[in-house]
Amino acid sequence: SRGKASNKQWYQRRVRGKRKKLNGPANSAFGEEDSDEDYSNQIIPRKKADITLEDRKTLIESLKREGNTLAEVGQFWEALSKFGKAIVLGKEEIENSSDIDNTRILSVLYELSAQCYAEVAEVFRAVSAAEKAVNFDTTCCVARQTLARSQINIGELGLACTNIQKSILLNPGVNDAWEDLKEIRELLRKRNETTWALLPVETRPGIVNQRLGM
């Protein structure tokens, strides 16, 4: 959340109204179809089989820190590159261990990636990454909140409202989640008013209800 989330020190600014970029830099974390597999041979020069579980965990944490540092200074594509490499290693970790912490770190990495995508106006990629974050850890309130915010940016206000409510249920103490809920409800109200204003007077909900005696 804005300035309060435990796994980062930065958070997305609203990027509504910007055109979605069709092609990202060559060193972005995910390719044209959000694939993170391109980094599997670029992590370290050793063969995959030679990487110990401890080495992999250390490298994942190091890449995450580097990504956060880059994001804090606005280098979001470079940060995505770090997070993407860490995600590849995280998936290898899952293949070699059933430790629940492995899925949680993937959730964190995808959530951070979602924020970066939102910052560079890649709004649909932001939603995709946030959805993966939630899938890897359904109990993470930060992932739910990031998904809700990403959905706001593509106009999916109903889904955003659902996810921010789930985030609040997971952690009612996050104040800015309540602020997000208030914002989403206000956006829904304005959208509904605009929709009704375009309807012929005789078909507007209030008029119909009056005629039915409701």
N, C-alpha and C. Protein backbone atom coordinates (compact mmCIF):
# COMPACT_ATOMS: atom_id res chain seq x y z
N SER A 1 0.83 -1.19 0.00
CA SER A 1 0.00 0.00 0.00
C SER A 1 0.86 1.23 0.00
N ARG A 2 0.27 2.40 -0.19
CA ARG A 2 1.06 3.61 -0.37
C ARG A 2 1.89 3.92 0.86
N GLY A 3 3.20 3.56 0.77
CA GLY A 3 4.11 3.91 1.84
C GLY A 3 4.00 3.03 3.06
N LYS A 4 3.05 2.07 3.09
CA LYS A 4 2.86 1.31 4.31
C LYS A 4 3.04 -0.19 4.11
N ALA A 5 3.15 -0.65 2.88
CA ALA A 5 3.26 -2.07 2.64
C ALA A 5 4.57 -2.58 3.18
N SER A 6 4.58 -3.79 3.74
CA SER A 6 5.75 -4.31 4.42
C SER A 6 6.83 -4.75 3.45
N ASN A 7 6.52 -5.06 2.21
CA ASN A 7 7.51 -5.62 1.32
C ASN A 7 8.09 -4.60 0.35
N LYS A 8 7.89 -3.29 0.60
CA LYS A 8 8.45 -2.30 -0.28
C LYS A 8 8.38 -0.91 0.34
N GLN A 9 9.09 0.03 -0.29
CA GLN A 9 9.10 1.39 0.21
C GLN A 9 8.53 2.35 -0.82
N TRP A 10 8.02 1.84 -1.89
CA TRP A 10 7.48 2.68 -2.95
C TRP A 10 6.18 2.07 -3.40
N TYR A 11 5.40 2.88 -4.09
CA TYR A 11 4.14 2.35 -4.59
C TYR A 11 3.71 3.10 -5.83
N GLN A 12 2.83 2.47 -6.58
CA GLN A 12 2.43 3.03 -7.86
C GLN A 12 1.72 4.37 -7.74
N ARG A 13 1.97 5.26 -8.71
CA ARG A 13 1.18 6.46 -8.89
C ARG A 13 0.10 6.13 -9.91
N ARG A 14 -1.00 6.83 -9.86
CA ARG A 14 -2.07 6.58 -10.81
C ARG A 14 -1.58 6.89 -12.23
N VAL A 15 -1.89 6.01 -13.16
CA VAL A 15 -1.42 6.21 -14.53
C VAL A 15 -2.60 6.16 -15.50
N ARG A 16 -3.79 6.56 -15.04
CA ARG A 16 -4.94 6.55 -15.92
C ARG A 16 -4.77 7.53 -17.06
N GLY A 17 -5.32 7.20 -18.20
CA GLY A 17 -5.33 8.12 -19.32
C GLY A 17 -4.15 7.98 -20.26
N LYS A 18 -3.12 7.23 -19.84
CA LYS A 18 -1.97 7.05 -20.72
C LYS A 18 -2.24 5.89 -21.67
N ARG A 19 -1.72 5.99 -22.87
CA ARG A 19 -1.91 4.92 -23.83
C ARG A 19 -1.06 3.73 -23.45
N LYS A 20 -1.60 2.57 -23.65
CA LYS A 20 -0.86 1.34 -23.37
C LYS A 20 0.25 1.17 -24.40
N LYS A 21 1.47 0.96 -23.91
CA LYS A 21 2.59 0.75 -24.81
C LYS A 21 2.51 -0.68 -25.36
N LEU A 22 2.74 -0.80 -26.66
CA LEU A 22 2.63 -2.11 -27.29
C LEU A 22 3.91 -2.90 -27.19
N ASN A 23 5.03 -2.20 -27.08
CA ASN A 23 6.32 -2.88 -27.01
C ASN A 23 7.17 -2.27 -25.92
N GLY A 24 7.65 -3.09 -25.02
CA GLY A 24 8.53 -2.61 -23.97
C GLY A 24 9.98 -2.75 -24.38
N PRO A 25 10.89 -2.18 -23.59
CA PRO A 25 12.32 -2.31 -23.87
C PRO A 25 12.74 -3.77 -23.91
N ALA A 26 13.83 -4.04 -24.61
CA ALA A 26 14.27 -5.43 -24.77
C ALA A 26 14.64 -6.07 -23.45
N ASN A 27 14.99 -5.26 -22.43
CA ASN A 27 15.42 -5.83 -21.17
C ASN A 27 14.32 -5.82 -20.13
N SER A 28 13.04 -5.72 -20.57
CA SER A 28 11.95 -5.76 -19.60
C SER A 28 11.84 -7.15 -19.00
N ALA A 29 11.21 -7.24 -17.86
CA ALA A 29 11.15 -8.51 -17.15
C ALA A 29 10.43 -9.57 -17.95
N PHE A 30 9.41 -9.20 -18.69
CA PHE A 30 8.63 -10.16 -19.44
C PHE A 30 8.59 -9.71 -20.89
N GLY A 31 8.52 -10.63 -21.80
CA GLY A 31 8.49 -10.33 -23.21
C GLY A 31 7.12 -9.90 -23.66
N GLU A 32 6.87 -9.97 -24.95
CA GLU A 32 5.62 -9.47 -25.52
C GLU A 32 4.41 -10.21 -24.96
N GLU A 33 4.61 -11.47 -24.50
CA GLU A 33 3.51 -12.24 -23.93
C GLU A 33 3.73 -12.50 -22.45
N ASP A 34 4.42 -11.58 -21.78
CA ASP A 34 4.67 -11.69 -20.35
C ASP A 34 5.42 -12.96 -19.97
N SER A 35 6.32 -13.41 -20.80
CA SER A 35 7.08 -14.61 -20.49
C SER A 35 8.31 -14.24 -19.70
N ASP A 36 8.56 -14.98 -18.62
CA ASP A 36 9.77 -14.73 -17.84
C ASP A 36 10.80 -15.82 -18.06
N GLU A 37 10.56 -16.72 -19.02
CA GLU A 37 11.46 -17.83 -19.23
C GLU A 37 12.74 -17.42 -19.96
N ASP A 38 12.75 -16.23 -20.58
CA ASP A 38 13.93 -15.82 -21.34
C ASP A 38 15.16 -15.65 -20.47
N TYR A 39 14.97 -15.58 -19.18
CA TYR A 39 16.09 -15.32 -18.29
C TYR A 39 16.69 -16.59 -17.70
N SER A 40 16.17 -17.74 -18.06
CA SER A 40 16.60 -18.98 -17.42
C SER A 40 18.07 -19.29 -17.67
N ASN A 41 18.63 -18.76 -18.77
CA ASN A 41 20.04 -19.03 -19.06
C ASN A 41 20.91 -17.81 -18.81
N GLN A 42 20.35 -16.78 -18.17
CA GLN A 42 21.10 -15.55 -17.97
C GLN A 42 21.37 -15.25 -16.49
N ILE A 43 20.91 -16.12 -15.61
CA ILE A 43 21.02 -15.83 -14.19
C ILE A 43 22.47 -15.85 -13.72
N ILE A 44 23.10 -17.01 -13.80
CA ILE A 44 24.50 -17.17 -13.44
C ILE A 44 25.11 -18.16 -14.42
N PRO A 45 26.43 -18.15 -14.62
CA PRO A 45 27.03 -18.97 -15.66
C PRO A 45 27.01 -20.46 -15.38
N ARG A 46 26.72 -20.89 -14.17
CA ARG A 46 26.74 -22.30 -13.87
C ARG A 46 25.52 -23.01 -14.43
N LYS A 47 25.57 -24.32 -14.56
CA LYS A 47 24.43 -25.10 -14.99
C LYS A 47 23.37 -25.08 -13.89
N LYS A 48 22.10 -25.18 -14.31
CA LYS A 48 20.99 -25.14 -13.36
C LYS A 48 21.16 -26.18 -12.26
N ALA A 49 21.63 -27.37 -12.63
CA ALA A 49 21.75 -28.45 -11.66
C ALA A 49 22.78 -28.15 -10.59
N ASP A 50 23.72 -27.22 -10.89
CA ASP A 50 24.78 -26.90 -9.94
C ASP A 50 24.36 -25.85 -8.91
N ILE A 51 23.19 -25.25 -9.08
CA ILE A 51 22.73 -24.22 -8.16
C ILE A 51 22.05 -24.88 -6.97
N THR A 52 22.60 -24.66 -5.79
CA THR A 52 22.00 -25.25 -4.58
C THR A 52 20.76 -24.46 -4.19
N LEU A 53 19.91 -25.07 -3.36
CA LEU A 53 18.71 -24.38 -2.90
C LEU A 53 19.07 -23.11 -2.15
N GLU A 54 20.13 -23.18 -1.36
CA GLU A 54 20.55 -22.01 -0.59
C GLU A 54 21.05 -20.90 -1.51
N ASP A 55 21.82 -21.29 -2.54
CA ASP A 55 22.29 -20.31 -3.52
C ASP A 55 21.12 -19.62 -4.20
N ARG A 56 20.11 -20.41 -4.54
CA ARG A 56 18.96 -19.87 -5.26
C ARG A 56 18.19 -18.88 -4.39
N LYS A 57 17.98 -19.24 -3.14
CA LYS A 57 17.27 -18.34 -2.22
C LYS A 57 18.02 -17.03 -2.04
N THR A 58 19.33 -17.14 -1.89
CA THR A 58 20.15 -15.94 -1.71
C THR A 58 20.09 -15.05 -2.94
N LEU A 59 20.15 -15.67 -4.12
CA LEU A 59 20.13 -14.90 -5.35
C LEU A 59 18.76 -14.26 -5.58
N ILE A 60 17.69 -14.97 -5.25
CA ILE A 60 16.35 -14.41 -5.37
C ILE A 60 16.21 -13.15 -4.51
N GLU A 61 16.66 -13.25 -3.27
CA GLU A 61 16.55 -12.12 -2.35
C GLU A 61 17.40 -10.94 -2.84
N SER A 62 18.59 -11.25 -3.38
CA SER A 62 19.47 -10.20 -3.89
C SER A 62 18.84 -9.49 -5.08
N LEU A 63 18.24 -10.26 -5.99
CA LEU A 63 17.59 -9.67 -7.16
C LEU A 63 16.38 -8.83 -6.75
N LYS A 64 15.66 -9.30 -5.75
CA LYS A 64 14.51 -8.53 -5.26
C LYS A 64 14.96 -7.19 -4.69
N ARG A 65 16.01 -7.20 -3.91
CA ARG A 65 16.53 -5.95 -3.34
C ARG A 65 16.99 -5.00 -4.43
N GLU A 66 17.70 -5.54 -5.42
CA GLU A 66 18.17 -4.71 -6.52
C GLU A 66 16.98 -4.11 -7.29
N GLY A 67 15.95 -4.93 -7.49
CA GLY A 67 14.77 -4.44 -8.18
C GLY A 67 14.08 -3.32 -7.42
N ASN A 68 13.97 -3.48 -6.12
CA ASN A 68 13.36 -2.43 -5.29
C ASN A 68 14.16 -1.14 -5.35
N THR A 69 15.48 -1.27 -5.30
CA THR A 69 16.35 -0.10 -5.36
C THR A 69 16.16 0.64 -6.68
N LEU A 70 16.09 -0.10 -7.77
CA LEU A 70 15.89 0.51 -9.09
C LEU A 70 14.52 1.18 -9.18
N ALA A 71 13.50 0.51 -8.64
CA ALA A 71 12.15 1.07 -8.69
C ALA A 71 12.05 2.36 -7.89
N GLU A 72 12.75 2.42 -6.78
CA GLU A 72 12.70 3.60 -5.93
C GLU A 72 13.23 4.84 -6.63
N VAL A 73 14.12 4.65 -7.62
CA VAL A 73 14.67 5.80 -8.35
C VAL A 73 14.03 5.93 -9.73
N GLY A 74 12.93 5.22 -9.94
CA GLY A 74 12.18 5.38 -11.17
C GLY A 74 12.64 4.57 -12.36
N GLN A 75 13.57 3.64 -12.16
CA GLN A 75 14.04 2.80 -13.27
C GLN A 75 13.21 1.51 -13.30
N PHE A 76 11.98 1.65 -13.76
CA PHE A 76 11.02 0.56 -13.62
C PHE A 76 11.28 -0.60 -14.57
N TRP A 77 11.71 -0.34 -15.80
CA TRP A 77 12.00 -1.45 -16.70
C TRP A 77 13.20 -2.25 -16.20
N GLU A 78 14.19 -1.56 -15.67
CA GLU A 78 15.35 -2.26 -15.12
C GLU A 78 14.95 -3.08 -13.90
N ALA A 79 14.05 -2.51 -13.09
CA ALA A 79 13.55 -3.24 -11.93
C ALA A 79 12.79 -4.49 -12.37
N LEU A 80 11.98 -4.36 -13.42
CA LEU A 80 11.25 -5.51 -13.94
C LEU A 80 12.18 -6.62 -14.40
N SER A 81 13.32 -6.24 -14.95
CA SER A 81 14.31 -7.23 -15.37
C SER A 81 14.80 -8.04 -14.16
N LYS A 82 15.08 -7.35 -13.06
CA LYS A 82 15.54 -8.03 -11.84
C LYS A 82 14.44 -8.95 -11.28
N PHE A 83 13.22 -8.42 -11.21
CA PHE A 83 12.13 -9.22 -10.68
C PHE A 83 11.86 -10.44 -11.57
N GLY A 84 11.98 -10.25 -12.89
CA GLY A 84 11.75 -11.36 -13.82
C GLY A 84 12.76 -12.47 -13.63
N LYS A 85 14.02 -12.11 -13.44
CA LYS A 85 15.04 -13.12 -13.20
C LYS A 85 14.79 -13.85 -11.88
N ALA A 86 14.39 -13.09 -10.88
CA ALA A 86 14.09 -13.71 -9.58
C ALA A 86 12.90 -14.67 -9.68
N ILE A 87 11.92 -14.31 -10.52
CA ILE A 87 10.75 -15.18 -10.70
C ILE A 87 11.15 -16.51 -11.33
N VAL A 88 12.05 -16.46 -12.31
CA VAL A 88 12.53 -17.70 -12.92
C VAL A 88 13.15 -18.60 -11.87
N LEU A 89 14.00 -18.03 -11.03
CA LEU A 89 14.64 -18.81 -9.97
C LEU A 89 13.61 -19.31 -8.97
N GLY A 90 12.60 -18.48 -8.67
CA GLY A 90 11.56 -18.88 -7.74
C GLY A 90 10.78 -20.07 -8.24
N LYS A 91 10.52 -20.11 -9.54
CA LYS A 91 9.80 -21.25 -10.11
C LYS A 91 10.66 -22.51 -10.04
N GLU A 92 11.96 -22.37 -10.23
CA GLU A 92 12.86 -23.51 -10.09
C GLU A 92 12.85 -24.01 -8.64
N GLU A 93 12.76 -23.06 -7.71
CA GLU A 93 12.72 -23.40 -6.29
C GLU A 93 11.49 -24.25 -5.98
N ILE A 94 10.36 -23.89 -6.56
CA ILE A 94 9.12 -24.65 -6.33
C ILE A 94 9.27 -26.07 -6.86
N GLU A 95 9.96 -26.22 -8.00
CA GLU A 95 10.17 -27.54 -8.56
C GLU A 95 11.00 -28.43 -7.66
N ASN A 96 11.85 -27.82 -6.84
CA ASN A 96 12.76 -28.59 -5.99
C ASN A 96 12.35 -28.66 -4.53
N SER A 97 11.33 -27.90 -4.15
CA SER A 97 10.93 -27.87 -2.75
C SER A 97 9.46 -27.50 -2.64
N SER A 98 8.78 -28.09 -1.67
CA SER A 98 7.36 -27.81 -1.46
C SER A 98 7.14 -26.74 -0.38
N ASP A 99 8.20 -26.07 0.02
CA ASP A 99 8.13 -25.06 1.06
C ASP A 99 7.14 -23.96 0.67
N ILE A 100 6.17 -23.66 1.55
CA ILE A 100 5.15 -22.65 1.27
C ILE A 100 5.76 -21.28 1.07
N ASP A 101 6.93 -21.03 1.67
CA ASP A 101 7.59 -19.72 1.51
C ASP A 101 7.97 -19.46 0.07
N ASN A 102 8.18 -20.53 -0.70
CA ASN A 102 8.55 -20.34 -2.11
C ASN A 102 7.42 -19.72 -2.91
N THR A 103 6.19 -20.15 -2.64
CA THR A 103 5.06 -19.55 -3.35
C THR A 103 4.81 -18.13 -2.88
N ARG A 104 5.09 -17.85 -1.63
CA ARG A 104 4.90 -16.50 -1.11
C ARG A 104 5.89 -15.52 -1.73
N ILE A 105 7.14 -15.94 -1.92
CA ILE A 105 8.11 -15.03 -2.51
C ILE A 105 7.75 -14.76 -3.97
N LEU A 106 7.19 -15.75 -4.66
CA LEU A 106 6.73 -15.51 -6.03
C LEU A 106 5.58 -14.52 -6.04
N SER A 107 4.70 -14.61 -5.05
CA SER A 107 3.61 -13.64 -4.93
C SER A 107 4.16 -12.23 -4.76
N VAL A 108 5.15 -12.08 -3.90
CA VAL A 108 5.77 -10.77 -3.67
C VAL A 108 6.39 -10.24 -4.96
N LEU A 109 7.10 -11.09 -5.68
CA LEU A 109 7.79 -10.66 -6.90
C LEU A 109 6.80 -10.25 -7.98
N TYR A 110 5.73 -11.01 -8.12
CA TYR A 110 4.72 -10.63 -9.11
C TYR A 110 3.99 -9.35 -8.71
N GLU A 111 3.78 -9.18 -7.40
CA GLU A 111 3.11 -7.95 -6.93
C GLU A 111 3.98 -6.73 -7.20
N LEU A 112 5.27 -6.85 -6.97
CA LEU A 112 6.19 -5.76 -7.25
C LEU A 112 6.24 -5.47 -8.75
N SER A 113 6.21 -6.53 -9.54
CA SER A 113 6.20 -6.37 -11.00
C SER A 113 4.94 -5.63 -11.45
N ALA A 114 3.81 -5.96 -10.82
CA ALA A 114 2.56 -5.29 -11.17
C ALA A 114 2.66 -3.79 -10.94
N GLN A 115 3.29 -3.41 -9.83
CA GLN A 115 3.46 -1.99 -9.55
C GLN A 115 4.30 -1.31 -10.62
N CYS A 116 5.39 -1.98 -11.03
CA CYS A 116 6.26 -1.40 -12.05
C CYS A 116 5.51 -1.25 -13.37
N TYR A 117 4.74 -2.25 -13.74
CA TYR A 117 3.98 -2.16 -14.97
C TYR A 117 2.99 -0.99 -14.92
N ALA A 118 2.37 -0.79 -13.76
CA ALA A 118 1.44 0.33 -13.62
C ALA A 118 2.18 1.66 -13.78
N GLU A 119 3.39 1.73 -13.27
CA GLU A 119 4.16 2.97 -13.35
C GLU A 119 4.49 3.35 -14.79
N VAL A 120 4.68 2.34 -15.65
CA VAL A 120 5.05 2.64 -17.04
C VAL A 120 3.84 2.53 -17.97
N ALA A 121 2.64 2.55 -17.37
CA ALA A 121 1.37 2.56 -18.11
C ALA A 121 1.10 1.27 -18.87
N GLU A 122 1.73 0.18 -18.47
CA GLU A 122 1.42 -1.14 -19.04
C GLU A 122 0.30 -1.73 -18.19
N VAL A 123 -0.89 -1.17 -18.33
CA VAL A 123 -1.96 -1.45 -17.38
C VAL A 123 -2.45 -2.89 -17.43
N PHE A 124 -2.49 -3.49 -18.62
CA PHE A 124 -2.97 -4.86 -18.72
C PHE A 124 -1.94 -5.86 -18.19
N ARG A 125 -0.67 -5.56 -18.42
CA ARG A 125 0.37 -6.40 -17.83
C ARG A 125 0.37 -6.27 -16.30
N ALA A 126 0.05 -5.09 -15.83
CA ALA A 126 -0.05 -4.89 -14.39
C ALA A 126 -1.13 -5.79 -13.80
N VAL A 127 -2.28 -5.84 -14.45
CA VAL A 127 -3.35 -6.71 -13.98
C VAL A 127 -2.93 -8.18 -14.01
N SER A 128 -2.28 -8.58 -15.10
CA SER A 128 -1.84 -9.97 -15.23
C SER A 128 -0.87 -10.36 -14.12
N ALA A 129 0.10 -9.49 -13.86
CA ALA A 129 1.07 -9.78 -12.81
C ALA A 129 0.42 -9.80 -11.43
N ALA A 130 -0.51 -8.88 -11.19
CA ALA A 130 -1.20 -8.83 -9.90
C ALA A 130 -2.06 -10.07 -9.70
N GLU A 131 -2.69 -10.56 -10.77
CA GLU A 131 -3.48 -11.78 -10.67
C GLU A 131 -2.60 -12.96 -10.29
N LYS A 132 -1.41 -13.02 -10.86
CA LYS A 132 -0.47 -14.10 -10.52
C LYS A 132 -0.04 -13.98 -9.06
N ALA A 133 0.16 -12.74 -8.60
CA ALA A 133 0.54 -12.54 -7.20
C ALA A 133 -0.53 -13.10 -6.27
N VAL A 134 -1.79 -12.84 -6.59
CA VAL A 134 -2.89 -13.35 -5.77
C VAL A 134 -2.98 -14.86 -5.85
N ASN A 135 -2.77 -15.41 -7.04
CA ASN A 135 -2.84 -16.85 -7.21
C ASN A 135 -1.79 -17.59 -6.39
N PHE A 136 -0.61 -16.98 -6.28
CA PHE A 136 0.45 -17.62 -5.52
C PHE A 136 0.28 -17.46 -4.01
N ASP A 137 -0.45 -16.44 -3.59
CA ASP A 137 -0.72 -16.25 -2.16
C ASP A 137 -2.06 -15.55 -1.99
N THR A 138 -3.11 -16.33 -1.84
CA THR A 138 -4.46 -15.77 -1.73
C THR A 138 -4.69 -15.06 -0.41
N THR A 139 -3.76 -15.21 0.55
CA THR A 139 -3.93 -14.57 1.86
C THR A 139 -3.19 -13.24 1.96
N CYS A 140 -2.56 -12.81 0.88
CA CYS A 140 -1.77 -11.58 0.93
C CYS A 140 -2.66 -10.37 0.63
N CYS A 141 -2.86 -9.53 1.62
CA CYS A 141 -3.72 -8.36 1.44
C CYS A 141 -3.10 -7.35 0.49
N VAL A 142 -1.77 -7.26 0.46
CA VAL A 142 -1.09 -6.31 -0.42
C VAL A 142 -1.30 -6.71 -1.89
N ALA A 143 -1.22 -8.01 -2.17
CA ALA A 143 -1.45 -8.48 -3.54
C ALA A 143 -2.87 -8.17 -3.98
N ARG A 144 -3.83 -8.38 -3.08
CA ARG A 144 -5.23 -8.07 -3.41
C ARG A 144 -5.41 -6.58 -3.67
N GLN A 145 -4.76 -5.76 -2.87
CA GLN A 145 -4.90 -4.32 -3.03
C GLN A 145 -4.28 -3.86 -4.34
N THR A 146 -3.12 -4.41 -4.68
CA THR A 146 -2.47 -4.06 -5.94
C THR A 146 -3.33 -4.50 -7.12
N LEU A 147 -3.94 -5.68 -7.01
CA LEU A 147 -4.83 -6.14 -8.07
C LEU A 147 -6.01 -5.19 -8.22
N ALA A 148 -6.58 -4.76 -7.11
CA ALA A 148 -7.71 -3.82 -7.16
C ALA A 148 -7.29 -2.52 -7.83
N ARG A 149 -6.15 -2.00 -7.46
CA ARG A 149 -5.69 -0.74 -8.05
C ARG A 149 -5.40 -0.89 -9.54
N SER A 150 -4.86 -2.05 -9.91
CA SER A 150 -4.60 -2.30 -11.33
C SER A 150 -5.90 -2.38 -12.11
N GLN A 151 -6.91 -2.97 -11.50
CA GLN A 151 -8.21 -3.09 -12.17
C GLN A 151 -8.90 -1.74 -12.30
N ILE A 152 -8.67 -0.83 -11.36
CA ILE A 152 -9.19 0.53 -11.50
C ILE A 152 -8.65 1.15 -12.78
N ASN A 153 -7.37 0.93 -13.04
CA ASN A 153 -6.71 1.56 -14.18
C ASN A 153 -7.21 1.06 -15.53
N ILE A 154 -7.91 -0.09 -15.56
CA ILE A 154 -8.49 -0.56 -16.82
C ILE A 154 -10.02 -0.45 -16.80
N GLY A 155 -10.53 0.20 -15.77
CA GLY A 155 -11.97 0.46 -15.71
C GLY A 155 -12.81 -0.68 -15.16
N GLU A 156 -12.17 -1.72 -14.62
CA GLU A 156 -12.91 -2.85 -14.05
C GLU A 156 -13.26 -2.54 -12.59
N LEU A 157 -14.19 -1.61 -12.41
CA LEU A 157 -14.48 -1.12 -11.07
C LEU A 157 -15.17 -2.16 -10.20
N GLY A 158 -16.03 -2.98 -10.78
CA GLY A 158 -16.70 -4.01 -10.00
C GLY A 158 -15.72 -5.02 -9.43
N LEU A 159 -14.79 -5.49 -10.28
CA LEU A 159 -13.77 -6.42 -9.81
C LEU A 159 -12.85 -5.75 -8.80
N ALA A 160 -12.51 -4.49 -9.05
CA ALA A 160 -11.65 -3.75 -8.13
C ALA A 160 -12.31 -3.64 -6.76
N CYS A 161 -13.60 -3.38 -6.74
CA CYS A 161 -14.33 -3.26 -5.48
C CYS A 161 -14.30 -4.59 -4.72
N THR A 162 -14.50 -5.68 -5.44
CA THR A 162 -14.47 -7.02 -4.81
C THR A 162 -13.11 -7.30 -4.20
N ASN A 163 -12.05 -7.01 -4.93
CA ASN A 163 -10.70 -7.34 -4.46
C ASN A 163 -10.25 -6.43 -3.32
N ILE A 164 -10.63 -5.17 -3.35
CA ILE A 164 -10.23 -4.30 -2.24
C ILE A 164 -10.98 -4.69 -0.97
N GLN A 165 -12.21 -5.17 -1.11
CA GLN A 165 -12.96 -5.65 0.05
C GLN A 165 -12.30 -6.90 0.63
N LYS A 166 -11.83 -7.78 -0.24
CA LYS A 166 -11.13 -8.99 0.23
C LYS A 166 -9.82 -8.60 0.92
N SER A 167 -9.14 -7.58 0.38
CA SER A 167 -7.91 -7.10 1.01
C SER A 167 -8.19 -6.59 2.42
N ILE A 168 -9.28 -5.85 2.57
CA ILE A 168 -9.65 -5.31 3.89
C ILE A 168 -10.01 -6.43 4.86
N LEU A 169 -10.69 -7.45 4.37
CA LEU A 169 -11.04 -8.59 5.23
C LEU A 169 -9.78 -9.30 5.72
N LEU A 170 -8.76 -9.36 4.87
CA LEU A 170 -7.51 -10.00 5.26
C LEU A 170 -6.73 -9.18 6.28
N ASN A 171 -6.83 -7.85 6.16
CA ASN A 171 -6.13 -6.96 7.09
C ASN A 171 -6.89 -5.66 7.21
N PRO A 172 -7.86 -5.59 8.12
CA PRO A 172 -8.70 -4.38 8.28
C PRO A 172 -7.92 -3.16 8.73
N GLY A 173 -6.69 -3.34 9.21
CA GLY A 173 -5.93 -2.23 9.76
C GLY A 173 -5.20 -1.39 8.73
N VAL A 174 -5.26 -1.77 7.46
CA VAL A 174 -4.56 -1.00 6.42
C VAL A 174 -5.45 0.17 6.01
N ASN A 175 -5.13 1.34 6.50
CA ASN A 175 -6.00 2.51 6.30
C ASN A 175 -6.19 2.88 4.85
N ASP A 176 -5.13 2.81 4.05
CA ASP A 176 -5.28 3.26 2.68
C ASP A 176 -6.11 2.30 1.84
N ALA A 177 -6.30 1.06 2.30
CA ALA A 177 -7.21 0.15 1.61
C ALA A 177 -8.64 0.65 1.76
N TRP A 178 -8.97 1.19 2.93
CA TRP A 178 -10.29 1.79 3.13
C TRP A 178 -10.45 3.02 2.23
N GLU A 179 -9.37 3.78 2.08
CA GLU A 179 -9.41 4.93 1.18
C GLU A 179 -9.64 4.49 -0.27
N ASP A 180 -8.99 3.38 -0.65
CA ASP A 180 -9.20 2.84 -1.99
C ASP A 180 -10.65 2.43 -2.19
N LEU A 181 -11.22 1.78 -1.19
CA LEU A 181 -12.62 1.35 -1.28
C LEU A 181 -13.54 2.56 -1.47
N LYS A 182 -13.28 3.62 -0.70
CA LYS A 182 -14.08 4.84 -0.83
C LYS A 182 -13.95 5.41 -2.23
N GLU A 183 -12.73 5.42 -2.77
CA GLU A 183 -12.50 5.96 -4.12
C GLU A 183 -13.23 5.13 -5.17
N ILE A 184 -13.15 3.80 -5.03
CA ILE A 184 -13.80 2.92 -6.01
C ILE A 184 -15.32 3.11 -5.98
N ARG A 185 -15.88 3.20 -4.79
CA ARG A 185 -17.33 3.40 -4.68
C ARG A 185 -17.75 4.73 -5.28
N GLU A 186 -16.93 5.75 -5.11
CA GLU A 186 -17.25 7.05 -5.70
C GLU A 186 -17.18 6.98 -7.23
N LEU A 187 -16.19 6.26 -7.75
CA LEU A 187 -16.08 6.09 -9.19
C LEU A 187 -17.28 5.31 -9.74
N LEU A 188 -17.71 4.29 -9.00
CA LEU A 188 -18.88 3.52 -9.41
C LEU A 188 -20.14 4.39 -9.41
N ARG A 189 -20.25 5.24 -8.38
CA ARG A 189 -21.42 6.12 -8.29
C ARG A 189 -21.45 7.07 -9.48
N LYS A 190 -20.31 7.67 -9.80
CA LYS A 190 -20.25 8.60 -10.91
C LYS A 190 -20.53 7.91 -12.24
N ARG A 191 -20.01 6.69 -12.38
CA ARG A 191 -20.26 5.97 -13.62
C ARG A 191 -21.74 5.63 -13.78
N ASN A 192 -22.35 5.22 -12.68
CA ASN A 192 -23.78 4.89 -12.72
C ASN A 192 -24.62 6.12 -13.05
N GLU A 193 -24.24 7.26 -12.45
CA GLU A 193 -24.98 8.49 -12.73
C GLU A 193 -24.85 8.88 -14.20
N THR A 194 -23.66 8.72 -14.73
CA THR A 194 -23.44 9.05 -16.14
C THR A 194 -24.24 8.13 -17.03
N THR A 195 -24.26 6.84 -16.69
CA THR A 195 -25.02 5.86 -17.48
C THR A 195 -26.51 6.19 -17.46
N TRP A 196 -27.04 6.48 -16.27
CA TRP A 196 -28.46 6.80 -16.15
C TRP A 196 -28.81 8.08 -16.91
N ALA A 197 -27.89 9.04 -16.89
CA ALA A 197 -28.16 10.32 -17.56
C ALA A 197 -28.31 10.15 -19.07
N LEU A 198 -27.73 9.08 -19.61
CA LEU A 198 -27.82 8.83 -21.05
C LEU A 198 -29.11 8.11 -21.43
N LEU A 199 -29.82 7.58 -20.42
CA LEU A 199 -31.06 6.86 -20.70
C LEU A 199 -32.22 7.84 -20.92
N PRO A 200 -33.21 7.45 -21.73
CA PRO A 200 -34.42 8.27 -21.82
C PRO A 200 -35.05 8.42 -20.44
N VAL A 201 -35.61 9.59 -20.15
CA VAL A 201 -36.13 9.87 -18.81
C VAL A 201 -37.08 8.79 -18.32
N GLU A 202 -37.97 8.32 -19.21
CA GLU A 202 -38.99 7.37 -18.77
C GLU A 202 -38.42 6.00 -18.40
N THR A 203 -37.17 5.72 -18.79
CA THR A 203 -36.58 4.41 -18.49
C THR A 203 -35.55 4.46 -17.37
N ARG A 204 -35.33 5.62 -16.78
CA ARG A 204 -34.34 5.73 -15.71
C ARG A 204 -34.82 4.96 -14.48
N PRO A 205 -33.90 4.34 -13.73
CA PRO A 205 -34.29 3.48 -12.60
C PRO A 205 -35.26 4.13 -11.63
N GLY A 206 -35.02 5.40 -11.25
CA GLY A 206 -35.89 6.05 -10.27
C GLY A 206 -37.31 6.22 -10.79
N ILE A 207 -37.44 6.57 -12.06
CA ILE A 207 -38.76 6.76 -12.65
C ILE A 207 -39.50 5.43 -12.74
N VAL A 208 -38.80 4.39 -13.16
CA VAL A 208 -39.43 3.07 -13.27
C VAL A 208 -39.91 2.60 -11.91
N ASN A 209 -39.08 2.79 -10.88
CA ASN A 209 -39.46 2.37 -9.53
C ASN A 209 -40.69 3.10 -9.05
N GLN A 210 -40.78 4.41 -9.36
CA GLN A 210 -41.96 5.18 -8.96
C GLN A 210 -43.22 4.64 -9.63
N ARG A 211 -43.13 4.29 -10.90
CA ARG A 211 -44.29 3.79 -11.61
C ARG A 211 -44.73 2.43 -11.06
N LEU A 212 -43.76 1.66 -10.57
CA LEU A 212 -44.08 0.35 -10.03
C LEU A 212 -44.50 0.44 -8.57
N GLY A 213 -44.45 1.65 -8.01
CA GLY A 213 -44.82 1.82 -6.61
C GLY A 213 -43.78 1.32 -5.65
N MET A 214 -42.51 1.30 -6.09
CA MET A 214 -41.43 0.79 -5.23
C MET A 214 -40.82 1.93 -4.42
